[in-house]
Amino acid sequence: MNELLVFSELHKFLNSLGPMKCTIAPKSLSIGYKPFTFWGNTSKFATLYGDKRYQCLILHVEPFNPESTKGKELQKEIQKIVGFEISEMRNFKLKNHEVYIPLELMRKEEKLKIVKHFTEEQYKRITTEK
């Protein structure tokens, strides 16, 4: 499976998690996902970046708290589970409250399944917290 198919599969998956507002960036291949909840809109939960420089799924762990290191903790967790090192694969600045998962890692179905499960857990956490 190539990165475009992974992008498409993740797009379908993210939309299946629940009511979601999708925002498409005007000048790049990126889609932001913002869940709707009973108590109103939440912040952006995930972004799919298809641009050549990024080509990854970004999970926004604590978007209202840029000082949080929760994203870094989860980054290490997913890297250990899937078997990659983001600093060896990408050279852009990483934010402490975000998790970055390159699309090419998910070419194999078993890794895509792991990432989907991990993403679903983060979605549940963000939509059940107030």
N, C-alpha and C. Protein backbone atom coordinates (compact mmCIF):
# COMPACT_ATOMS: atom_id res chain seq x y z
N MET A 1 0.86 -1.18 0.00
CA MET A 1 0.00 0.00 0.00
C MET A 1 0.90 1.24 0.00
N ASN A 2 0.65 2.18 -0.92
CA ASN A 2 1.46 3.40 -0.95
C ASN A 2 0.88 4.47 -0.02
N GLU A 3 1.62 5.58 0.13
CA GLU A 3 1.23 6.62 1.08
C GLU A 3 -0.12 7.26 0.74
N LEU A 4 -0.46 7.36 -0.53
CA LEU A 4 -1.74 7.94 -0.92
C LEU A 4 -2.90 7.06 -0.47
N LEU A 5 -2.73 5.75 -0.58
CA LEU A 5 -3.75 4.82 -0.10
C LEU A 5 -3.84 4.85 1.43
N VAL A 6 -2.70 4.98 2.09
CA VAL A 6 -2.68 5.10 3.56
C VAL A 6 -3.42 6.37 3.97
N PHE A 7 -3.14 7.47 3.27
CA PHE A 7 -3.81 8.75 3.54
C PHE A 7 -5.32 8.59 3.42
N SER A 8 -5.76 7.97 2.34
CA SER A 8 -7.19 7.75 2.09
C SER A 8 -7.81 6.86 3.17
N GLU A 9 -7.12 5.79 3.52
CA GLU A 9 -7.62 4.87 4.55
C GLU A 9 -7.73 5.58 5.91
N LEU A 10 -6.74 6.38 6.25
CA LEU A 10 -6.78 7.12 7.52
C LEU A 10 -7.89 8.16 7.51
N HIS A 11 -8.11 8.80 6.37
CA HIS A 11 -9.19 9.79 6.26
C HIS A 11 -10.54 9.13 6.54
N LYS A 12 -10.77 7.99 5.93
CA LYS A 12 -12.03 7.26 6.18
C LYS A 12 -12.14 6.84 7.63
N PHE A 13 -11.04 6.37 8.18
CA PHE A 13 -11.03 5.92 9.57
C PHE A 13 -11.32 7.08 10.53
N LEU A 14 -10.64 8.19 10.36
CA LEU A 14 -10.84 9.34 11.26
C LEU A 14 -12.28 9.83 11.22
N ASN A 15 -12.87 9.85 10.04
CA ASN A 15 -14.27 10.27 9.91
C ASN A 15 -15.23 9.26 10.53
N SER A 16 -14.83 8.02 10.64
CA SER A 16 -15.71 6.99 11.21
C SER A 16 -15.72 7.00 12.74
N LEU A 17 -14.81 7.74 13.36
CA LEU A 17 -14.72 7.75 14.81
C LEU A 17 -15.91 8.42 15.48
N GLY A 18 -16.54 9.35 14.78
CA GLY A 18 -17.67 10.07 15.34
C GLY A 18 -17.90 11.35 14.57
N PRO A 19 -18.86 12.18 15.04
CA PRO A 19 -19.11 13.45 14.36
C PRO A 19 -17.84 14.29 14.33
N MET A 20 -17.47 14.74 13.14
CA MET A 20 -16.18 15.39 12.96
C MET A 20 -16.30 16.54 11.97
N LYS A 21 -15.66 17.64 12.27
CA LYS A 21 -15.55 18.75 11.33
C LYS A 21 -14.18 18.64 10.67
N CYS A 22 -14.18 18.58 9.35
CA CYS A 22 -12.92 18.48 8.60
C CYS A 22 -12.61 19.82 7.96
N THR A 23 -11.37 20.24 8.06
CA THR A 23 -10.92 21.47 7.44
C THR A 23 -9.78 21.15 6.50
N ILE A 24 -9.93 21.54 5.25
CA ILE A 24 -8.89 21.29 4.25
C ILE A 24 -8.11 22.58 4.04
N ALA A 25 -6.80 22.49 4.15
CA ALA A 25 -5.94 23.66 3.97
C ALA A 25 -5.96 24.08 2.50
N PRO A 26 -6.01 25.39 2.23
CA PRO A 26 -6.14 25.86 0.85
C PRO A 26 -4.91 25.61 -0.04
N LYS A 27 -3.71 25.61 0.54
CA LYS A 27 -2.52 25.52 -0.31
C LYS A 27 -1.67 24.28 -0.08
N SER A 28 -2.17 23.35 0.68
CA SER A 28 -1.40 22.13 0.92
C SER A 28 -2.35 20.95 1.05
N LEU A 29 -1.80 19.78 0.94
CA LEU A 29 -2.61 18.58 1.10
C LEU A 29 -2.63 18.21 2.57
N SER A 30 -3.48 18.91 3.32
CA SER A 30 -3.63 18.58 4.74
C SER A 30 -5.08 18.76 5.15
N ILE A 31 -5.52 17.87 6.02
CA ILE A 31 -6.90 17.88 6.50
C ILE A 31 -6.86 17.84 8.02
N GLY A 32 -7.55 18.80 8.64
CA GLY A 32 -7.65 18.84 10.10
C GLY A 32 -8.97 18.23 10.54
N TYR A 33 -8.96 17.52 11.66
CA TYR A 33 -10.14 16.83 12.18
C TYR A 33 -10.45 17.35 13.59
N LYS A 34 -11.67 17.85 13.73
CA LYS A 34 -12.10 18.45 14.99
C LYS A 34 -13.41 17.78 15.40
N PRO A 35 -13.40 16.98 16.47
CA PRO A 35 -14.62 16.28 16.89
C PRO A 35 -15.68 17.22 17.46
N PHE A 36 -16.94 16.84 17.28
CA PHE A 36 -18.04 17.51 17.95
C PHE A 36 -18.37 16.69 19.19
N THR A 37 -18.69 17.35 20.29
CA THR A 37 -19.06 16.65 21.52
C THR A 37 -20.36 17.24 22.05
N PHE A 38 -20.92 16.61 23.07
CA PHE A 38 -22.16 17.10 23.67
C PHE A 38 -21.99 18.49 24.27
N TRP A 39 -20.80 18.79 24.76
CA TRP A 39 -20.59 20.10 25.38
C TRP A 39 -20.02 21.12 24.41
N GLY A 40 -20.06 20.82 23.12
CA GLY A 40 -19.62 21.78 22.10
C GLY A 40 -18.40 21.26 21.36
N ASN A 41 -17.84 22.13 20.56
CA ASN A 41 -16.67 21.77 19.78
C ASN A 41 -15.46 21.57 20.68
N THR A 42 -14.62 20.65 20.30
CA THR A 42 -13.33 20.48 20.96
C THR A 42 -12.28 21.11 20.05
N SER A 43 -11.06 21.04 20.45
CA SER A 43 -9.99 21.54 19.59
C SER A 43 -9.65 20.48 18.54
N LYS A 44 -8.75 20.83 17.66
CA LYS A 44 -8.35 19.89 16.61
C LYS A 44 -7.72 18.66 17.25
N PHE A 45 -8.17 17.52 16.82
CA PHE A 45 -7.73 16.25 17.36
C PHE A 45 -6.59 15.65 16.53
N ALA A 46 -6.70 15.77 15.22
CA ALA A 46 -5.70 15.15 14.33
C ALA A 46 -5.56 15.96 13.05
N THR A 47 -4.42 15.81 12.41
CA THR A 47 -4.18 16.39 11.09
C THR A 47 -3.50 15.34 10.24
N LEU A 48 -4.01 15.17 9.04
CA LEU A 48 -3.36 14.30 8.05
C LEU A 48 -2.60 15.22 7.10
N TYR A 49 -1.29 15.06 7.05
CA TYR A 49 -0.46 15.86 6.15
C TYR A 49 0.01 15.00 5.00
N GLY A 50 -0.33 15.39 3.79
CA GLY A 50 0.11 14.67 2.61
C GLY A 50 1.25 15.37 1.90
N ASP A 51 1.59 16.58 2.35
CA ASP A 51 2.70 17.32 1.74
C ASP A 51 3.98 16.51 1.80
N LYS A 52 4.81 16.68 0.80
CA LYS A 52 6.03 15.90 0.68
C LYS A 52 6.93 16.02 1.92
N ARG A 53 7.01 17.20 2.51
CA ARG A 53 7.89 17.42 3.65
C ARG A 53 7.41 16.68 4.89
N TYR A 54 6.11 16.61 5.09
CA TYR A 54 5.56 16.01 6.31
C TYR A 54 5.14 14.57 6.10
N GLN A 55 4.15 14.33 5.27
CA GLN A 55 3.57 13.01 5.01
C GLN A 55 3.41 12.19 6.29
N CYS A 56 2.55 12.71 7.17
CA CYS A 56 2.32 11.99 8.42
C CYS A 56 0.96 12.31 9.02
N LEU A 57 0.59 11.49 9.97
CA LEU A 57 -0.57 11.72 10.80
C LEU A 57 -0.06 12.42 12.05
N ILE A 58 -0.67 13.54 12.39
CA ILE A 58 -0.30 14.26 13.62
C ILE A 58 -1.50 14.21 14.56
N LEU A 59 -1.26 13.71 15.76
CA LEU A 59 -2.30 13.70 16.79
C LEU A 59 -2.01 14.86 17.74
N HIS A 60 -2.99 15.72 17.91
CA HIS A 60 -2.85 16.88 18.79
C HIS A 60 -3.32 16.46 20.18
N VAL A 61 -2.39 16.11 21.05
CA VAL A 61 -2.69 15.50 22.33
C VAL A 61 -3.29 16.49 23.32
N GLU A 62 -2.64 17.59 23.54
CA GLU A 62 -3.16 18.62 24.44
C GLU A 62 -3.01 19.98 23.75
N PRO A 63 -3.86 20.25 22.76
CA PRO A 63 -3.69 21.44 21.93
C PRO A 63 -3.82 22.76 22.68
N PHE A 64 -4.54 22.78 23.79
CA PHE A 64 -4.67 24.03 24.54
C PHE A 64 -3.52 24.24 25.52
N ASN A 65 -2.59 23.30 25.56
CA ASN A 65 -1.47 23.39 26.48
C ASN A 65 -0.16 23.09 25.75
N PRO A 66 0.39 24.07 25.03
CA PRO A 66 1.62 23.84 24.26
C PRO A 66 2.83 23.50 25.13
N GLU A 67 2.74 23.75 26.43
CA GLU A 67 3.84 23.44 27.35
C GLU A 67 3.79 21.96 27.79
N SER A 68 2.71 21.28 27.49
CA SER A 68 2.55 19.89 27.89
C SER A 68 3.59 19.00 27.21
N THR A 69 4.03 17.98 27.91
CA THR A 69 4.96 17.01 27.33
C THR A 69 4.27 15.65 27.10
N LYS A 70 2.95 15.64 27.23
CA LYS A 70 2.17 14.40 27.04
C LYS A 70 2.39 13.84 25.63
N GLY A 71 2.48 14.72 24.64
CA GLY A 71 2.72 14.27 23.27
C GLY A 71 4.05 13.57 23.12
N LYS A 72 5.06 14.08 23.80
CA LYS A 72 6.38 13.46 23.76
C LYS A 72 6.34 12.06 24.35
N GLU A 73 5.61 11.91 25.45
CA GLU A 73 5.47 10.60 26.09
C GLU A 73 4.78 9.61 25.16
N LEU A 74 3.69 10.07 24.54
CA LEU A 74 2.96 9.19 23.61
C LEU A 74 3.77 8.93 22.34
N GLN A 75 4.58 9.91 21.92
CA GLN A 75 5.46 9.72 20.76
C GLN A 75 6.40 8.55 21.01
N LYS A 76 7.01 8.53 22.17
CA LYS A 76 7.93 7.43 22.54
C LYS A 76 7.19 6.10 22.57
N GLU A 77 5.97 6.12 23.08
CA GLU A 77 5.16 4.90 23.18
C GLU A 77 4.87 4.33 21.80
N ILE A 78 4.37 5.16 20.89
CA ILE A 78 4.02 4.66 19.54
C ILE A 78 5.28 4.27 18.77
N GLN A 79 6.38 4.99 18.97
CA GLN A 79 7.63 4.64 18.30
C GLN A 79 8.10 3.24 18.74
N LYS A 80 7.95 2.95 20.02
CA LYS A 80 8.35 1.63 20.53
C LYS A 80 7.44 0.54 19.97
N ILE A 81 6.14 0.81 19.93
CA ILE A 81 5.17 -0.19 19.45
C ILE A 81 5.34 -0.48 17.96
N VAL A 82 5.47 0.58 17.16
CA VAL A 82 5.54 0.42 15.70
C VAL A 82 6.97 0.19 15.21
N GLY A 83 7.96 0.65 15.97
CA GLY A 83 9.36 0.42 15.61
C GLY A 83 9.93 1.46 14.68
N PHE A 84 9.96 2.71 15.11
CA PHE A 84 10.58 3.77 14.32
C PHE A 84 11.11 4.86 15.23
N GLU A 85 11.93 5.72 14.67
CA GLU A 85 12.47 6.89 15.38
C GLU A 85 12.18 8.11 14.50
N ILE A 86 11.27 8.97 14.98
CA ILE A 86 10.82 10.11 14.18
C ILE A 86 11.98 11.03 13.79
N SER A 87 12.95 11.22 14.68
CA SER A 87 14.07 12.13 14.39
C SER A 87 14.94 11.61 13.24
N GLU A 88 14.91 10.31 12.99
CA GLU A 88 15.67 9.73 11.87
C GLU A 88 14.89 9.80 10.56
N MET A 89 13.57 10.02 10.65
CA MET A 89 12.73 10.01 9.46
C MET A 89 12.30 11.41 8.99
N ARG A 90 12.22 12.35 9.92
CA ARG A 90 11.76 13.70 9.61
C ARG A 90 12.69 14.71 10.26
N ASN A 91 12.84 15.88 9.61
CA ASN A 91 13.73 16.88 10.17
C ASN A 91 13.03 18.19 10.51
N PHE A 92 11.70 18.19 10.62
CA PHE A 92 11.00 19.39 11.03
C PHE A 92 10.92 19.44 12.56
N LYS A 93 10.65 20.62 13.09
CA LYS A 93 10.57 20.81 14.54
C LYS A 93 9.32 20.13 15.09
N LEU A 94 9.52 19.30 16.09
CA LEU A 94 8.42 18.58 16.73
C LEU A 94 7.90 19.38 17.92
N LYS A 95 6.59 19.37 18.10
CA LYS A 95 5.99 20.04 19.24
C LYS A 95 5.78 19.01 20.35
N ASN A 96 5.96 19.43 21.59
CA ASN A 96 5.87 18.52 22.74
C ASN A 96 4.48 17.96 22.97
N HIS A 97 3.46 18.66 22.49
CA HIS A 97 2.08 18.22 22.75
C HIS A 97 1.45 17.55 21.53
N GLU A 98 2.29 17.08 20.61
CA GLU A 98 1.79 16.40 19.41
C GLU A 98 2.53 15.09 19.19
N VAL A 99 1.87 14.17 18.49
CA VAL A 99 2.45 12.87 18.14
C VAL A 99 2.50 12.79 16.62
N TYR A 100 3.66 12.41 16.08
CA TYR A 100 3.88 12.36 14.64
C TYR A 100 4.11 10.92 14.20
N ILE A 101 3.31 10.47 13.22
CA ILE A 101 3.43 9.10 12.72
C ILE A 101 3.52 9.17 11.19
N PRO A 102 4.72 8.92 10.62
CA PRO A 102 4.89 8.98 9.17
C PRO A 102 4.00 7.98 8.42
N LEU A 103 3.45 8.44 7.29
CA LEU A 103 2.54 7.60 6.52
C LEU A 103 3.21 6.33 5.98
N GLU A 104 4.48 6.41 5.62
CA GLU A 104 5.12 5.23 5.03
C GLU A 104 5.25 4.07 6.02
N LEU A 105 5.15 4.34 7.31
CA LEU A 105 5.19 3.26 8.31
C LEU A 105 3.94 2.39 8.24
N MET A 106 2.87 2.96 7.71
CA MET A 106 1.58 2.26 7.73
C MET A 106 1.27 1.56 6.41
N ARG A 107 2.27 1.33 5.60
CA ARG A 107 2.05 0.60 4.34
C ARG A 107 1.62 -0.83 4.60
N LYS A 108 2.09 -1.40 5.69
CA LYS A 108 1.71 -2.77 6.05
C LYS A 108 0.46 -2.71 6.92
N GLU A 109 -0.47 -3.58 6.63
CA GLU A 109 -1.77 -3.60 7.29
C GLU A 109 -1.68 -3.73 8.80
N GLU A 110 -0.73 -4.56 9.29
CA GLU A 110 -0.63 -4.75 10.74
C GLU A 110 -0.20 -3.47 11.47
N LYS A 111 0.68 -2.68 10.85
CA LYS A 111 1.09 -1.42 11.47
C LYS A 111 -0.02 -0.37 11.38
N LEU A 112 -0.75 -0.38 10.28
CA LEU A 112 -1.88 0.53 10.13
C LEU A 112 -2.93 0.22 11.19
N LYS A 113 -3.14 -1.04 11.45
CA LYS A 113 -4.11 -1.47 12.48
C LYS A 113 -3.67 -0.97 13.87
N ILE A 114 -2.39 -1.08 14.17
CA ILE A 114 -1.85 -0.60 15.45
C ILE A 114 -2.06 0.90 15.59
N VAL A 115 -1.75 1.64 14.53
CA VAL A 115 -1.89 3.10 14.56
C VAL A 115 -3.36 3.49 14.70
N LYS A 116 -4.25 2.78 14.03
CA LYS A 116 -5.68 3.06 14.16
C LYS A 116 -6.14 2.87 15.60
N HIS A 117 -5.71 1.77 16.22
CA HIS A 117 -6.09 1.51 17.61
C HIS A 117 -5.55 2.61 18.53
N PHE A 118 -4.31 2.98 18.35
CA PHE A 118 -3.68 4.05 19.15
C PHE A 118 -4.44 5.37 18.95
N THR A 119 -4.79 5.68 17.72
CA THR A 119 -5.53 6.91 17.40
C THR A 119 -6.91 6.89 18.02
N GLU A 120 -7.58 5.76 17.95
CA GLU A 120 -8.92 5.64 18.54
C GLU A 120 -8.88 5.85 20.05
N GLU A 121 -7.84 5.34 20.70
CA GLU A 121 -7.69 5.55 22.14
C GLU A 121 -7.52 7.04 22.46
N GLN A 122 -6.75 7.74 21.65
CA GLN A 122 -6.56 9.18 21.86
C GLN A 122 -7.87 9.94 21.60
N TYR A 123 -8.60 9.51 20.59
CA TYR A 123 -9.90 10.13 20.29
C TYR A 123 -10.86 9.96 21.47
N LYS A 124 -10.92 8.76 22.01
CA LYS A 124 -11.81 8.50 23.16
C LYS A 124 -11.41 9.38 24.34
N ARG A 125 -10.13 9.51 24.57
CA ARG A 125 -9.66 10.34 25.68
C ARG A 125 -10.05 11.80 25.50
N ILE A 126 -9.89 12.29 24.30
CA ILE A 126 -10.17 13.72 24.06
C ILE A 126 -11.66 14.02 24.04
N THR A 127 -12.48 13.05 23.64
CA THR A 127 -13.92 13.33 23.56
C THR A 127 -14.67 12.99 24.85
N THR A 128 -14.01 12.33 25.79
CA THR A 128 -14.68 12.05 27.05
C THR A 128 -14.22 12.98 28.16
N GLU A 129 -13.13 13.72 27.93
CA GLU A 129 -12.68 14.71 28.92
C GLU A 129 -13.43 16.00 28.70
N LYS A 130 -13.66 16.71 29.77
CA LYS A 130 -14.28 18.02 29.66
C LYS A 130 -13.28 19.09 29.90
